[in-house]
Protein backbone atom coordinates (compact mmCIF):
# COMPACT_ATOMS: atom_id res chain seq x y z
CA MET A 1 127.57 198.34 156.20
CA ASN A 2 125.81 198.15 159.58
CA GLU A 3 126.84 195.79 162.38
CA GLY A 4 125.99 192.23 161.41
CA GLY A 5 126.54 192.94 157.72
CA VAL A 6 128.66 190.85 155.43
CA ASP A 7 131.59 193.33 155.37
CA ARG A 8 132.25 192.72 159.05
CA VAL A 9 132.78 188.98 158.56
CA ALA A 10 134.02 188.83 154.99
CA SER A 11 137.13 186.83 155.84
CA ILE A 12 135.31 183.85 157.36
CA ARG A 13 134.77 180.84 155.13
CA ILE A 14 131.69 178.71 155.73
CA SER A 15 130.61 175.24 154.68
CA VAL A 16 127.00 174.17 154.20
CA VAL A 17 126.31 170.43 154.41
CA VAL A 18 123.07 169.13 152.90
CA PRO A 19 122.27 165.45 153.56
CA ALA A 20 120.10 164.21 150.70
CA TYR A 21 118.06 161.07 150.17
CA ASN A 22 115.37 160.84 147.48
CA GLY A 23 114.92 164.59 147.64
CA GLN A 24 113.88 165.26 144.07
CA GLU A 25 110.92 167.40 145.18
CA THR A 26 112.93 169.87 147.28
CA ILE A 27 116.70 169.61 146.76
CA ALA A 28 116.86 172.16 143.93
CA ASP A 29 114.93 174.80 145.90
CA CYS A 30 117.02 174.06 148.99
CA LEU A 31 120.26 174.70 147.09
CA ARG A 32 118.95 177.75 145.25
CA ALA A 33 118.04 179.30 148.61
CA ILE A 34 121.56 178.63 149.89
CA PHE A 35 123.18 180.35 146.92
CA ALA A 36 120.70 183.24 147.12
CA ALA A 37 121.85 184.03 150.66
CA GLU A 38 123.60 187.30 151.45
CA TYR A 39 127.09 185.88 151.80
CA PRO A 40 130.05 186.05 149.40
CA ARG A 41 129.98 183.05 147.11
CA GLU A 42 133.78 182.79 147.12
CA LEU A 43 133.60 182.13 150.88
CA LEU A 44 130.80 179.60 150.56
CA GLU A 45 131.38 175.84 150.25
CA VAL A 46 128.29 173.70 149.63
CA ILE A 47 128.51 169.93 150.08
CA VAL A 48 125.61 167.62 149.24
CA VAL A 49 125.88 164.06 150.52
CA ASP A 50 123.69 161.88 148.31
CA ASP A 51 122.83 158.97 150.59
CA GLY A 52 122.09 156.37 147.92
CA SER A 53 119.13 158.15 146.32
CA SER A 54 117.09 156.02 143.91
CA ASP A 55 115.02 158.87 142.46
CA ALA A 56 116.01 161.84 140.28
CA THR A 57 118.13 163.52 142.98
CA PRO A 58 121.51 162.69 141.32
CA ALA A 59 120.31 164.01 137.95
CA ILE A 60 119.00 167.22 139.55
CA LEU A 61 122.35 167.79 141.27
CA GLU A 62 124.23 167.33 137.98
CA LYS A 63 121.85 169.75 136.26
CA LEU A 64 122.47 172.39 138.94
CA LYS A 65 126.23 171.99 138.53
CA ARG A 66 125.88 172.50 134.76
CA GLU A 67 123.89 175.67 135.48
CA GLY A 68 126.89 177.03 137.36
CA PHE A 69 126.09 176.24 140.98
CA PRO A 70 129.39 175.18 142.62
CA VAL A 71 128.07 172.16 144.52
CA SER A 72 130.38 169.40 145.71
CA VAL A 73 128.50 166.10 145.60
CA ILE A 74 129.52 163.08 147.65
CA ARG A 75 127.72 159.86 146.79
CA GLN A 76 127.57 156.91 149.16
CA GLU A 77 125.53 153.81 149.84
CA ASN A 78 122.60 154.46 152.11
CA ARG A 79 123.78 155.08 155.68
CA GLY A 80 120.91 157.15 157.00
CA ALA A 81 120.75 160.82 157.96
CA ALA A 82 123.43 160.52 160.65
CA GLY A 83 125.82 158.82 158.24
CA SER A 84 125.24 161.56 155.69
CA ARG A 85 125.86 164.31 158.19
CA ASP A 86 128.98 162.52 159.37
CA ARG A 87 130.39 162.26 155.84
CA GLY A 88 129.56 165.90 155.15
CA ILE A 89 131.20 167.47 158.20
CA LYS A 90 134.33 165.37 157.68
CA ALA A 91 134.64 166.80 154.16
CA ALA A 92 133.84 170.39 155.15
CA THR A 93 136.72 172.88 155.21
CA GLY A 94 134.97 176.05 156.43
CA ASP A 95 135.55 177.89 159.69
CA ILE A 96 131.84 177.50 160.44
CA ILE A 97 129.85 174.46 159.35
CA PHE A 98 126.12 174.71 158.70
CA ILE A 99 123.85 171.70 158.33
CA ILE A 100 120.49 172.06 156.64
CA SER A 101 118.02 169.36 155.63
CA GLN A 102 117.14 168.83 151.98
CA ASP A 103 113.56 169.98 152.64
CA THR A 104 114.56 173.15 154.49
CA PHE A 105 115.09 176.55 152.90
CA ALA A 106 117.59 179.04 154.31
CA GLU A 107 116.68 182.66 154.95
CA ARG A 108 118.86 185.15 153.07
CA ASP A 109 120.56 186.56 156.19
CA TRP A 110 121.04 183.28 158.11
CA PHE A 111 124.71 182.74 157.25
CA ALA A 112 125.79 186.34 157.87
CA SER A 113 123.93 186.57 161.19
CA VAL A 114 125.49 183.35 162.49
CA VAL A 115 128.98 184.30 161.33
CA THR A 116 128.66 187.65 163.10
CA GLU A 117 127.80 185.94 166.38
CA VAL A 118 130.61 183.39 166.10
CA ALA A 119 133.14 186.09 165.19
CA ARG A 120 132.10 188.11 168.24
CA ASP A 121 132.50 185.27 170.76
CA PRO A 122 135.50 182.89 170.44
CA LYS A 123 133.83 180.34 172.76
CA LEU A 124 130.58 180.16 170.82
CA GLY A 125 130.32 176.65 169.38
CA ILE A 126 126.66 176.17 168.36
CA VAL A 127 124.05 178.55 166.96
CA GLN A 128 120.43 177.70 166.28
CA GLY A 129 117.43 179.89 165.61
CA ARG A 130 113.79 179.96 164.67
CA ILE A 131 112.51 177.60 161.98
CA ALA A 132 109.08 178.29 160.50
CA LEU A 133 106.89 176.09 158.31
CA THR A 134 106.40 176.71 154.61
CA GLU A 135 102.63 176.24 154.90
CA PRO A 136 99.87 175.64 157.45
CA ILE A 137 99.43 172.07 158.72
CA ARG A 138 96.47 170.46 156.98
CA TYR A 139 97.26 166.80 157.65
CA PRO A 140 96.38 164.64 160.65
CA PHE A 141 99.86 163.06 160.60
CA TYR A 142 102.84 164.85 159.20
CA HIS A 143 106.56 165.51 159.34
CA ALA A 144 107.63 169.10 159.95
CA VAL A 145 110.32 170.82 162.00
CA GLU A 146 109.20 174.05 163.64
CA LEU A 147 111.23 175.89 166.30
CA ASP A 148 110.11 179.08 168.01
CA ARG A 149 112.31 178.82 171.10
CA PHE A 150 115.55 177.22 172.26
CA VAL A 151 115.51 173.43 172.52
CA TRP A 152 118.24 171.47 174.29
CA SER A 153 118.14 168.66 171.68
CA PHE A 154 119.73 170.88 168.97
CA PRO A 155 118.00 169.42 165.86
CA THR A 156 119.94 169.58 162.60
CA ALA A 157 117.16 170.78 160.29
CA ALA A 158 119.10 174.06 160.31
CA ILE A 159 122.03 174.55 162.69
CA ALA A 160 125.59 175.89 162.70
CA TYR A 161 128.79 174.77 164.45
CA ARG A 162 132.18 176.39 164.86
CA ALA A 163 134.61 174.03 163.09
CA GLU A 164 137.08 174.24 165.97
CA ALA A 165 134.34 173.12 168.37
CA LEU A 166 133.55 170.10 166.19
CA ASP A 167 137.24 169.21 166.06
CA ARG A 168 137.59 169.44 169.83
CA ALA A 169 134.47 167.34 170.41
CA GLY A 170 135.26 164.82 167.69
CA ARG A 171 134.10 165.57 164.17
CA TYR A 172 131.60 162.73 163.83
CA PHE A 173 127.98 161.76 164.33
CA ASP A 174 127.83 158.66 166.51
CA PRO A 175 126.24 155.70 164.65
CA ALA A 176 124.95 154.43 168.00
CA PHE A 177 122.33 157.20 167.78
CA THR A 178 121.52 156.89 164.09
CA GLU A 179 117.82 156.40 164.78
CA TYR A 180 117.50 158.83 167.66
CA GLY A 181 119.62 161.60 169.08
CA ASP A 182 122.79 161.77 166.96
CA ASP A 183 122.33 165.54 166.66
CA THR A 184 121.85 165.90 170.43
CA ASP A 185 124.94 163.81 171.12
CA VAL A 186 127.28 165.91 168.95
CA ALA A 187 125.93 169.17 170.42
CA TRP A 188 126.47 168.05 173.99
CA ARG A 189 129.98 166.81 173.20
CA ILE A 190 130.69 170.37 172.05
CA ILE A 191 129.17 171.89 175.20
CA GLU A 192 131.20 169.54 177.38
CA GLN A 193 134.36 170.87 175.74
CA GLY A 194 133.57 174.28 177.20
CA PHE A 195 131.93 175.89 174.18
CA ALA A 196 128.78 177.99 174.48
CA TYR A 197 125.55 177.80 172.51
CA LYS A 198 123.33 180.65 171.37
CA TRP A 199 119.72 180.96 170.36
CA LEU A 200 119.04 183.49 167.59
CA ASP A 201 115.57 184.90 168.08
CA ARG A 202 115.14 185.44 164.36
CA LEU A 203 113.96 183.35 161.45
CA THR A 204 116.80 181.23 160.04
CA ALA A 205 115.01 178.79 157.74
CA ARG A 206 111.66 177.36 156.66
CA HIS A 207 110.83 173.67 156.72
CA GLY A 208 108.37 171.86 154.48
CA VAL A 209 105.27 170.06 155.76
CA TYR A 210 104.75 166.50 154.51
CA HIS A 211 101.80 164.18 154.89
CA LYS A 212 102.55 160.92 156.73
CA SER A 213 100.59 157.83 157.70
CA PHE A 214 98.97 156.91 161.03
CA THR A 215 101.83 154.48 161.68
CA TYR A 216 104.59 157.01 160.94
CA THR A 217 104.35 158.68 164.33
CA LEU A 218 104.03 155.31 166.06
CA ARG A 219 107.29 154.13 164.48
CA ARG A 220 109.00 157.31 165.71
CA ALA A 221 107.67 156.70 169.22
CA PHE A 222 109.06 153.17 169.44
CA PRO A 223 111.79 151.99 169.67
CA GLY A 224 113.81 155.21 169.03
CA PRO A 225 113.30 156.82 172.47
CA ALA A 226 114.91 153.76 174.05
CA LEU A 227 118.21 155.49 173.24
CA PHE A 228 117.29 158.55 175.27
CA PRO A 229 118.48 157.08 178.60
CA LEU A 230 121.83 156.36 176.94
CA LEU A 231 122.05 160.00 175.86
CA VAL A 232 121.37 161.15 179.42
CA LYS A 233 123.92 158.68 180.78
CA ARG A 234 126.60 160.02 178.43
CA HIS A 235 125.63 163.66 178.93
CA PRO A 236 124.32 164.26 182.47
CA GLY A 237 123.99 167.98 181.73
CA ILE A 238 120.82 167.18 179.79
CA ARG A 239 119.05 166.51 183.10
CA GLN A 240 118.81 170.24 183.83
CA PHE A 241 116.24 170.50 181.04
CA LEU A 242 114.11 167.52 182.13
CA LEU A 243 111.61 169.05 184.53
CA ARG A 244 109.78 166.16 186.24
CA GLY A 245 110.87 163.74 183.57
CA PHE A 246 110.52 163.66 179.81
CA LEU A 247 107.43 161.82 178.58
CA TRP A 248 105.80 162.12 182.00
CA SER A 249 106.33 165.88 182.30
CA THR A 250 102.84 166.44 183.77
CA PRO A 251 100.93 164.40 186.40
CA ARG A 252 98.04 163.85 183.99
CA ARG A 253 100.36 162.45 181.37
CA LEU A 254 101.95 160.01 183.79
CA ALA A 255 98.57 159.03 185.27
CA SER A 256 97.00 158.31 181.88
CA ILE A 257 99.90 156.07 180.86
CA LEU A 258 100.10 154.20 184.17
CA LEU A 259 96.34 153.61 184.31
CA LEU A 260 96.43 151.95 180.91
CA LEU A 261 99.49 149.82 181.66
CA VAL A 262 98.36 148.76 185.14
CA GLY A 263 94.91 148.01 183.79
CA ALA A 264 96.37 145.84 181.05
CA GLY A 265 98.26 143.87 183.70
CA LEU A 266 95.12 143.38 185.81
CA VAL A 267 92.64 142.62 183.04
CA ILE A 268 93.08 138.83 183.40
CA PRO A 269 93.43 138.36 187.19
CA ILE A 270 90.90 141.11 188.09
CA PRO A 271 88.89 141.84 184.92
CA ALA A 272 86.62 144.57 186.33
CA VAL A 273 89.49 146.56 187.85
CA GLY A 274 91.69 146.04 184.80
CA VAL A 275 89.10 147.16 182.27
CA THR A 276 88.07 150.14 184.41
CA SER A 277 91.69 151.28 184.78
CA MET A 278 92.30 150.97 181.04
CA VAL A 279 89.16 152.93 180.19
CA LEU A 280 90.05 155.68 182.68
CA GLY A 281 93.56 155.88 181.28
CA MET A 282 92.32 156.19 177.72
CA VAL A 283 89.70 158.78 178.62
CA LEU A 284 92.31 160.87 180.44
CA GLY A 285 94.69 160.47 177.48
CA PHE A 286 92.02 161.56 175.01
CA TYR A 287 91.17 164.53 177.21
CA ARG A 288 94.81 165.61 177.29
CA HIS A 289 95.07 165.46 173.49
CA ARG A 290 91.59 166.76 172.70
CA ARG A 291 93.01 169.76 170.81
CA ALA A 292 95.89 167.89 169.16
CA GLY A 293 94.51 168.18 165.64
CA SER A 294 94.53 171.27 163.45
CA GLY A 295 91.28 173.23 163.24
CA GLU A 296 91.31 172.63 159.48
CA LEU A 297 90.82 168.86 159.91
CA PRO A 298 87.44 167.08 159.79
CA TRP A 299 85.96 166.64 163.28
CA GLU A 300 86.46 162.86 163.38
CA GLN A 301 90.19 163.27 162.69
CA ARG A 302 90.60 166.21 165.06
CA TYR A 303 88.73 164.74 168.04
CA LEU A 304 89.17 160.98 167.58
CA VAL A 305 91.93 159.82 165.25
CA VAL A 306 94.64 162.35 166.13
CA PRO A 307 94.14 162.14 169.93
CA LEU A 308 94.19 158.34 169.70
CA ASN A 309 97.46 158.45 167.79
CA ALA A 310 99.00 160.99 170.18
CA TYR A 311 98.03 158.92 173.22
CA ALA A 312 99.40 155.74 171.63
CA CYS A 313 102.69 157.58 171.00
CA ASP A 314 102.79 158.61 174.67
CA VAL A 315 102.46 154.99 175.77
CA LEU A 316 104.92 153.59 173.24
CA GLY A 317 107.48 156.27 174.06
CA PHE A 318 107.11 155.57 177.77
CA LEU A 319 107.67 151.86 177.22
CA ALA A 320 110.65 152.53 174.96
CA MET A 321 112.35 154.71 177.56
CA LEU A 322 111.53 152.26 180.34
CA TYR A 323 113.25 149.57 178.28
CA GLY A 324 116.18 151.91 177.57
CA SER A 325 116.54 152.76 181.26
CA LEU A 326 116.86 149.07 182.09
CA ARG A 327 119.14 148.26 179.18
CA TYR A 328 121.55 151.14 179.74
CA ARG A 329 121.12 151.32 183.52
CA SER A 330 120.22 154.98 183.30
CA VAL A 331 117.14 156.38 184.99
CA VAL A 332 115.62 159.40 183.26
CA LEU A 333 114.46 161.83 185.93
């Protein structure tokens, strides 16, 4: 078999951890894709952590086991995604540990390609690669994970770790970052132990696209990013990826946020200046996000509702990180 084939890595055992919560719509397809991968089943351990599901997820998992899929199921009271990942990696026994979300579907060659890279480099601790969407985005507000280039935050929709690297860094997901950044924290603990990371410029998995409400993105923008300054304080190496800041990465972005906030502060003592500043800030924000919506959306959603939501998320995220910088005494630059 050619280089990168299964024969070259046939002695390496892998574990695949799937955190699951009310995943009745996708969990079966997720697991079927895992077992359809081009990797020897006798070297494949699959662990599903059922995080207190109240839908048909437990019944679906039992049905799959009866059909002959060797899935180990761990059930626990609801602890959130980080708690599920934590429980899963602690139970995993493989030399390489993959984590994939319940609504993500592995490509057939993902496991073999990662194992080949890890086998080639003894200091390689983390491997991530491209994640595509299962369908075009047709919703104004949605949840979907799409990666087409390396990102320093190392999201766990589909990622792989060398088990030794996890052990050296501490095999846990920190509950302090349950709502924001637990995946980033564990990755940077691995890097700080001297392990390398690698970006695979190939498709590794596909993630579903799910309709969400107007308030969904607002809840993600605040207060979660308040933990970002704590992440930077714990892992100063992150700063190398923060060109001119994080939320304020362009002058227009910073200006639009500051105009709104300064205007709000001046609207009572100096009404004319305050209102003018707020209007200018909002106009600049709308201009920045004028193409935020998909071309398949109605015009009022594409040019009004989605830009308004995106701008509101900018402001809320800025305030959250300002609060986090003060609370954790860590300035994000």
